[in-house]
Every structure is written in C-alpha cells, then in structure tokens.
Amino acid sequence: MKPLAALFLICLLSPHLALANEATQPKTKPISKEERQKHEERRKRQELIEKLSDEKGIEPGIVETVFSDDRLELYRASAPQPQPPPEPKPKTPQKNPFLSERFGLLTDESLERCRTFYIENKEIFDDAETEYGVPKETICGHLRIETNFGIATAKSPHPFGRHPAVNYLYSLYVLNPRLRRFAYGELRAFFQIADRNGWTEDDIFETLGSPTGAVGLPQFEPSSFNVAVDGNNDGKIDLFDPKDAVPSVASYLVSRGYDDNPERQARAIERYYGIPKKKQKHPTYVYYREAVQKYAEVEKEYLKAHPLPIEWELLIF
C-alpha cells in the first residue's frame, strides 16, 4: 500500500477505533456534592486534630480521646424554609432589645433575682467590689443579661446552652470558613483550660456553651479565661460556680479599662459584649452597655427599697 493511501486509511479509521476503545474502558462515577463535602469535612477534622496535638499546653492524649468520642458532633444549620415576602412596615426608631418588655430586664421579678443572688453570695460580691472597684449592681447586670443568673425559665429553659461548647467550636471550624480562625483560637484555649483544670472527656462534654463556645454564668469565651479568677482558691476555675464567676466578671471589666472614669466604665462594658471591627448602623454593644448600666441603676434603688432580711444580717455580722 502506498504511504499516502495508508495515511488516508488511518485517518478514516481513527474515530471508530477511539470510540471502540472508549466503550471498553470502565466509566468513572462522578463524585457527588455530598461526597465532596464529606471528604472536605474529614480533611478539616484531621487537620484540626494534628494542629491541636502540636499546641503547647495541650496533652495530645486528651485531643485523641475527645475526637474519638461518639459525643463529638457537627451541628449543621438547617436549610432555610421559604417565607412569604414581609409586609412593609412603617419606619420606627430602633429599640434596645435588652430593654424590651419581652426580655423583662427591669421588672421586679428580674431585680429580685439579683437581690437573691447577692444574698446567697454576699461575701463574694463584696470582696470583688473591694478588690476591683466594680459595684455588685454592675456585675449583676452582666449576669442577668448573659444567663439570668443561671435560672431556667419558660422563655429561656437552657441558660447555659443546649449542647457542649466543644461541639459548637468544632462545627464552626469544620463548616464555617469565615469563622475558622476564630474557632481554632477558641478551641485551642478550650483544650488548654481542660489541661490546666485536669478535665476528663466527660468534663469536656458536660461543659455546655453558646453557639460561639461561651461558657458559664458570665458567658466567657475560652480565650477570656486568661482574666478569669479562682475565687475560692480550689486550684481550678469553674465559671458555673458564683465563687469564680462573680470576681471573674469584675476582673474582665478591669482588664478592659474599667476604673473610676464613667467613660472608661462604659467602654469596658461594651468590650465585654464585643465590639465588631465593622461599624454597625445600630450597634448591639451600645444597647448592651445601656442595658447593663440601666439595670445597675435601677437595682441600686431596688436594694435600698428592699434591704437584706434582719435575721440574715444578724447571722452574718
């Protein structure tokens, strides 16, 4: 066969040979979106284990134990349900949500909770005010807004949160790239706290928290434990215990600039809530500060009108 004719024949048959070869090859099943997501979650999980195990102040064994425990879960946000378009509302000035009727901050019942909590922990409050210069009414304002002094109510049946703080932070790290850096810093601090306090895996999973990992009566993020106080000198910090929680609130405020200057007091209270980097149209931290200060002001008058029981004062003094 002449070279030119052979070349023509090869060109003619090439498409058919390619199709025949393709038909004999096993077809690769495309990877689904769900499979890719699970693979990425496993990768981030392993990455997190390795990073935490290499951190100073964290026993690698506790990291391995926690991550092999069936109680460690990822909390995925449920898909939003379709909603009808909202009806246009007349523009009204933004109101402070902490001072709303529903929140009930300034009701007699709410004010009495501080009074009762103070009676039960008077020495702790008085020591905190002496050492840090933060009045009991201001400390009460924070504890009332954060967790209602740990009191479960119909409107707020889980004042400390519904799930373990470690699960929330683990979920943020794996599932939320925008908050991954924050979540890692808080997880690192959380495991360092666990190591310092000698927590077991049961202690870790029994430590309930908010969706951002805040724990205890004052709702401290784990990274804020560096200013928390061992108020009863038992060698550990337990922010679910008023003996540690009360002086820790005062210590936190002082660490953020709280002193005799009213402007610095206001700024410290705002920093307790957290001031975002970006400006907000209606900054919640300002509402928070206004609410703490208003509660402290009204509570002071309430305590004057409702002094401590005489028999209780005789017992103490």
Protein backbone atom coordinates (compact mmCIF):
# COMPACT_ATOMS: atom_id res chain seq x y z
CA MET A 1 0.00 0.00 0.00
CA LYS A 2 1.31 3.37 -0.88
CA PRO A 3 2.19 5.65 2.10
CA LEU A 4 -0.38 8.24 1.08
CA ALA A 5 -3.15 5.66 0.85
CA ALA A 6 -2.15 4.15 4.23
CA LEU A 7 -2.25 7.55 5.87
CA PHE A 8 -5.70 8.18 4.42
CA LEU A 9 -6.96 4.83 5.77
CA ILE A 10 -5.59 5.54 9.26
CA CYS A 11 -7.30 8.92 9.37
CA LEU A 12 -10.54 7.34 8.25
CA LEU A 13 -10.49 4.61 10.89
CA SER A 14 -9.13 6.66 13.87
CA PRO A 15 -12.51 7.99 15.13
CA HIS A 16 -14.01 4.49 15.05
CA LEU A 17 -11.04 2.98 16.88
CA ALA A 18 -11.24 5.72 19.53
CA LEU A 19 -14.94 5.07 20.08
CA ALA A 20 -14.35 1.34 20.37
CA ASN A 21 -11.55 1.88 22.87
CA GLU A 22 -13.69 4.28 24.92
CA ALA A 23 -16.50 1.71 25.04
CA THR A 24 -14.19 -0.92 26.59
CA GLN A 25 -12.94 1.44 29.36
CA PRO A 26 -14.83 1.37 32.71
CA LYS A 27 -16.75 4.59 33.29
CA THR A 28 -15.76 6.61 36.36
CA LYS A 29 -18.73 7.53 38.53
CA PRO A 30 -18.86 11.30 39.07
CA ILE A 31 -18.31 12.42 42.65
CA SER A 32 -21.43 13.93 44.16
CA LYS A 33 -21.53 17.21 46.01
CA GLU A 34 -22.33 15.37 49.25
CA GLU A 35 -19.28 13.10 48.86
CA ARG A 36 -17.01 16.06 48.21
CA GLN A 37 -18.41 17.76 51.28
CA LYS A 38 -17.82 14.71 53.49
CA HIS A 39 -14.29 14.37 52.16
CA GLU A 40 -13.57 18.01 52.98
CA GLU A 41 -15.06 17.60 56.46
CA ARG A 42 -12.83 14.59 57.14
CA ARG A 43 -9.82 16.54 55.90
CA LYS A 44 -10.55 19.53 58.14
CA ARG A 45 -11.19 17.23 61.09
CA GLN A 46 -7.80 15.53 60.68
CA GLU A 47 -6.13 18.89 60.17
CA LEU A 48 -7.67 20.13 63.43
CA ILE A 49 -6.53 17.06 65.38
CA GLU A 50 -2.96 17.49 64.18
CA LYS A 51 -2.86 21.22 64.90
CA LEU A 52 -4.27 20.88 68.44
CA SER A 53 -1.98 17.95 69.24
CA ASP A 54 1.05 20.10 68.36
CA GLU A 55 -0.01 23.02 70.58
CA LYS A 56 1.83 23.79 73.81
CA GLY A 57 -0.20 23.36 76.98
CA ILE A 58 -2.41 20.64 75.48
CA GLU A 59 -1.96 16.97 76.25
CA PRO A 60 -2.20 15.18 72.87
CA GLY A 61 -3.93 12.25 74.56
CA ILE A 62 -6.98 14.31 75.51
CA VAL A 63 -7.30 15.56 71.92
CA GLU A 64 -7.28 12.00 70.59
CA THR A 65 -9.74 10.89 73.27
CA VAL A 66 -12.22 13.70 72.54
CA PHE A 67 -12.06 13.26 68.76
CA SER A 68 -12.65 9.53 69.02
CA ASP A 69 -15.68 10.04 71.30
CA ASP A 70 -19.12 9.49 69.76
CA ARG A 71 -20.35 12.61 71.57
CA LEU A 72 -18.32 14.87 69.30
CA GLU A 73 -20.79 16.06 66.68
CA LEU A 74 -21.06 18.51 63.84
CA TYR A 75 -24.02 20.86 64.03
CA ARG A 76 -25.18 21.76 60.56
CA ALA A 77 -27.50 24.69 60.02
CA SER A 78 -30.85 23.57 58.71
CA ALA A 79 -31.82 24.79 55.26
CA PRO A 80 -33.89 27.99 55.40
CA GLN A 81 -37.56 27.47 54.70
CA PRO A 82 -39.18 29.62 52.00
CA GLN A 83 -41.03 32.52 53.54
CA PRO A 84 -43.56 34.88 52.03
CA PRO A 85 -42.22 38.37 51.40
CA PRO A 86 -42.56 40.51 54.52
CA GLU A 87 -45.19 43.17 54.59
CA PRO A 88 -43.79 46.70 54.50
CA LYS A 89 -43.65 48.24 57.94
CA PRO A 90 -43.57 51.90 58.82
CA LYS A 91 -40.12 53.06 59.78
CA THR A 92 -39.73 53.39 63.52
CA PRO A 93 -36.66 54.17 65.61
CA GLN A 94 -34.64 51.07 66.52
CA LYS A 95 -35.36 50.00 70.11
CA ASN A 96 -32.99 48.44 72.59
CA PRO A 97 -33.82 44.69 72.55
CA PHE A 98 -32.45 44.21 76.08
CA LEU A 99 -34.94 46.75 77.40
CA SER A 100 -37.93 45.24 75.62
CA GLU A 101 -40.98 44.09 77.52
CA ARG A 102 -40.36 40.50 76.48
CA PHE A 103 -36.84 40.48 77.92
CA GLY A 104 -38.22 41.82 81.19
CA LEU A 105 -34.93 43.23 82.40
CA LEU A 106 -36.34 45.89 84.72
CA THR A 107 -39.29 44.01 86.20
CA ASP A 108 -39.48 43.45 89.95
CA GLU A 109 -39.01 39.74 89.36
CA SER A 110 -35.81 40.39 87.43
CA LEU A 111 -34.50 42.82 90.06
CA GLU A 112 -35.31 40.38 92.85
CA ARG A 113 -33.17 37.74 91.15
CA CYS A 114 -30.13 39.95 91.64
CA ARG A 115 -31.07 40.62 95.26
CA THR A 116 -31.47 36.89 95.97
CA PHE A 117 -28.22 36.05 94.16
CA TYR A 118 -26.45 38.77 96.13
CA ILE A 119 -27.80 37.48 99.47
CA GLU A 120 -26.57 33.98 98.60
CA ASN A 121 -23.12 35.26 97.56
CA LYS A 122 -22.70 38.50 99.55
CA GLU A 123 -19.13 37.89 100.65
CA ILE A 124 -18.05 37.10 97.10
CA PHE A 125 -19.65 40.27 95.71
CA ASP A 126 -18.22 42.45 98.48
CA ASP A 127 -14.70 41.04 98.00
CA ALA A 128 -14.94 41.63 94.24
CA GLU A 129 -16.04 45.24 94.74
CA THR A 130 -13.23 45.85 97.23
CA GLU A 131 -10.55 44.31 95.02
CA TYR A 132 -11.66 45.50 91.59
CA GLY A 133 -13.87 48.51 92.28
CA VAL A 134 -16.81 47.10 90.31
CA PRO A 135 -20.19 47.51 92.10
CA LYS A 136 -22.36 44.46 92.73
CA GLU A 137 -25.16 46.03 90.69
CA THR A 138 -22.96 46.20 87.58
CA ILE A 139 -21.81 42.61 88.00
CA CYS A 140 -25.46 41.65 88.42
CA GLY A 141 -26.30 43.47 85.19
CA HIS A 142 -23.91 41.26 83.22
CA LEU A 143 -25.02 38.03 84.88
CA ARG A 144 -28.70 38.87 84.42
CA ILE A 145 -28.35 39.60 80.71
CA GLU A 146 -25.92 36.78 79.94
CA THR A 147 -27.58 33.81 81.69
CA ASN A 148 -30.25 35.18 84.04
CA PHE A 149 -28.08 34.06 86.99
CA GLY A 150 -28.33 30.51 85.66
CA ILE A 151 -32.10 30.37 86.26
CA ALA A 152 -34.08 28.37 83.71
CA THR A 153 -37.38 29.96 82.69
CA ALA A 154 -40.14 29.15 80.21
CA LYS A 155 -38.73 31.71 77.79
CA SER A 156 -35.13 30.62 78.36
CA PRO A 157 -35.08 26.97 79.50
CA HIS A 158 -31.36 26.49 78.77
CA PRO A 159 -29.49 29.50 80.22
CA PHE A 160 -26.07 27.89 79.69
CA GLY A 161 -26.81 26.48 76.23
CA ARG A 162 -28.16 23.23 74.87
CA HIS A 163 -25.00 21.49 73.66
CA PRO A 164 -21.32 21.05 74.58
CA ALA A 165 -19.22 24.11 73.82
CA VAL A 166 -16.56 21.92 72.19
CA ASN A 167 -19.12 20.68 69.63
CA TYR A 168 -20.11 24.20 68.66
CA LEU A 169 -16.49 25.26 68.17
CA TYR A 170 -15.64 22.06 66.28
CA SER A 171 -18.61 22.70 63.97
CA LEU A 172 -17.55 26.29 63.34
CA TYR A 173 -14.03 25.17 62.42
CA VAL A 174 -15.09 22.44 60.01
CA LEU A 175 -18.18 24.01 58.46
CA ASN A 176 -17.67 27.77 58.56
CA PRO A 177 -14.56 29.02 56.71
CA ARG A 178 -15.34 32.63 57.66
CA LEU A 179 -15.13 31.81 61.38
CA ARG A 180 -12.46 29.08 61.16
CA ARG A 181 -9.66 31.22 62.55
CA PHE A 182 -11.84 32.34 65.48
CA ALA A 183 -12.98 28.77 66.15
CA TYR A 184 -9.43 27.43 66.20
CA GLY A 185 -8.27 30.06 68.68
CA GLU A 186 -11.17 29.28 70.99
CA LEU A 187 -10.70 25.50 70.65
CA ARG A 188 -7.02 25.85 71.47
CA ALA A 189 -7.88 27.89 74.57
CA PHE A 190 -10.63 25.42 75.50
CA PHE A 191 -8.25 22.42 75.44
CA GLN A 192 -5.61 24.39 77.35
CA ILE A 193 -8.21 25.13 80.04
CA ALA A 194 -9.15 21.45 80.11
CA ASP A 195 -5.49 20.52 80.56
CA ARG A 196 -4.90 23.05 83.36
CA ASN A 197 -8.02 22.01 85.23
CA GLY A 198 -7.47 18.30 84.76
CA TRP A 199 -10.76 17.80 82.92
CA THR A 200 -11.70 14.36 81.69
CA GLU A 201 -13.54 13.82 78.42
CA ASP A 202 -16.76 13.68 80.47
CA ASP A 203 -16.00 17.11 81.93
CA ILE A 204 -15.41 18.46 78.43
CA PHE A 205 -18.68 17.16 77.02
CA GLU A 206 -20.63 18.26 80.08
CA THR A 207 -19.44 21.86 79.65
CA LEU A 208 -22.38 23.42 77.85
CA GLY A 209 -21.91 26.57 75.83
CA SER A 210 -23.36 29.08 73.40
CA PRO A 211 -23.11 28.69 69.60
CA THR A 212 -19.78 30.55 69.78
CA GLY A 213 -18.44 28.46 72.66
CA ALA A 214 -19.09 30.89 75.55
CA VAL A 215 -19.48 29.12 78.89
CA GLY A 216 -20.62 29.63 82.47
CA LEU A 217 -22.64 32.23 84.32
CA PRO A 218 -20.76 35.15 82.71
CA GLN A 219 -20.55 33.51 79.25
CA PHE A 220 -16.80 33.80 78.78
CA GLU A 221 -15.29 32.66 75.52
CA PRO A 222 -12.46 30.20 76.29
CA SER A 223 -9.85 32.78 75.27
CA SER A 224 -11.16 35.07 78.04
CA PHE A 225 -10.20 32.60 80.76
CA ASN A 226 -6.84 34.36 80.95
CA VAL A 227 -8.55 37.02 83.11
CA ALA A 228 -10.88 34.63 84.97
CA VAL A 229 -10.39 34.25 88.71
CA ASP A 230 -10.15 31.26 91.04
CA GLY A 231 -12.30 32.98 93.66
CA ASN A 232 -12.45 30.12 96.17
CA ASN A 233 -8.78 29.13 95.74
CA ASP A 234 -9.53 25.50 94.97
CA GLY A 235 -6.91 25.36 92.23
CA LYS A 236 -9.31 25.49 89.27
CA ILE A 237 -11.65 27.93 87.57
CA ASP A 238 -15.30 26.97 87.33
CA LEU A 239 -17.39 29.72 85.78
CA PHE A 240 -20.59 27.85 86.61
CA ASP A 241 -19.75 28.50 90.28
CA PRO A 242 -20.58 32.02 91.58
CA LYS A 243 -17.40 31.95 93.68
CA ASP A 244 -15.37 32.11 90.48
CA ALA A 245 -17.90 33.75 88.15
CA VAL A 246 -18.51 36.92 90.19
CA PRO A 247 -14.86 38.04 90.60
CA SER A 248 -14.17 36.95 87.02
CA VAL A 249 -16.72 39.45 85.68
CA ALA A 250 -15.06 42.20 87.72
CA SER A 251 -11.60 41.11 86.60
CA TYR A 252 -12.67 41.10 82.96
CA LEU A 253 -14.07 44.63 83.15
CA VAL A 254 -10.91 45.96 84.81
CA SER A 255 -8.78 44.22 82.16
CA ARG A 256 -10.76 46.20 79.57
CA GLY A 257 -10.14 49.55 81.26
CA TYR A 258 -12.89 49.83 83.90
CA ASP A 259 -11.96 52.39 86.58
CA ASP A 260 -13.47 55.47 88.25
CA ASN A 261 -13.94 57.26 84.92
CA PRO A 262 -17.54 56.85 83.64
CA GLU A 263 -16.43 56.92 80.01
CA ARG A 264 -13.94 54.11 80.55
CA GLN A 265 -16.57 52.19 82.51
CA ALA A 266 -18.94 52.44 79.55
CA ARG A 267 -16.24 51.35 77.11
CA ALA A 268 -15.29 48.35 79.25
CA ILE A 269 -18.91 47.19 79.40
CA GLU A 270 -19.14 47.46 75.62
CA ARG A 271 -15.97 45.42 75.27
CA TYR A 272 -17.49 42.75 77.47
CA TYR A 273 -20.12 42.27 74.78
CA GLY A 274 -17.60 42.59 71.99
CA ILE A 275 -17.06 45.45 69.57
CA PRO A 276 -17.04 44.36 65.90
CA LYS A 277 -14.41 45.62 63.50
CA LYS A 278 -17.00 46.90 61.07
CA LYS A 279 -19.32 49.74 62.01
CA GLN A 280 -22.94 48.83 62.60
CA LYS A 281 -25.98 51.01 61.95
CA HIS A 282 -27.49 50.03 65.30
CA PRO A 283 -24.52 48.69 67.30
CA THR A 284 -25.73 45.97 69.67
CA TYR A 285 -22.81 46.52 72.01
CA VAL A 286 -24.17 50.02 72.72
CA TYR A 287 -27.60 48.58 73.54
CA TYR A 288 -25.88 46.02 75.78
CA ARG A 289 -23.96 48.71 77.66
CA GLU A 290 -27.08 50.85 78.09
CA ALA A 291 -28.96 47.84 79.45
CA VAL A 292 -26.24 46.86 81.94
CA GLN A 293 -25.99 50.43 83.20
CA LYS A 294 -29.76 50.84 83.43
CA TYR A 295 -30.14 47.58 85.30
CA ALA A 296 -27.38 48.57 87.73
CA GLU A 297 -29.01 51.97 88.31
CA VAL A 298 -32.49 50.53 88.95
CA GLU A 299 -31.12 47.63 91.01
CA LYS A 300 -29.35 50.04 93.32
CA GLU A 301 -32.63 51.74 94.11
CA TYR A 302 -34.37 48.37 94.43
CA LEU A 303 -31.86 47.21 97.06
CA LYS A 304 -32.41 50.40 99.03
CA ALA A 305 -36.16 49.81 98.99
CA HIS A 306 -35.72 46.10 99.81
CA PRO A 307 -32.91 45.82 102.36
CA LEU A 308 -31.46 42.50 103.40
CA PRO A 309 -33.51 40.49 105.93
CA ILE A 310 -32.66 41.48 109.51
CA GLU A 311 -32.18 37.88 110.62
CA TRP A 312 -29.78 37.32 107.72
CA GLU A 313 -27.72 40.39 108.66
CA LEU A 314 -27.55 39.27 112.29
CA LEU A 315 -26.41 35.83 111.18
CA ILE A 316 -23.61 37.25 109.08
CA PHE A 317 -22.45 40.04 111.34
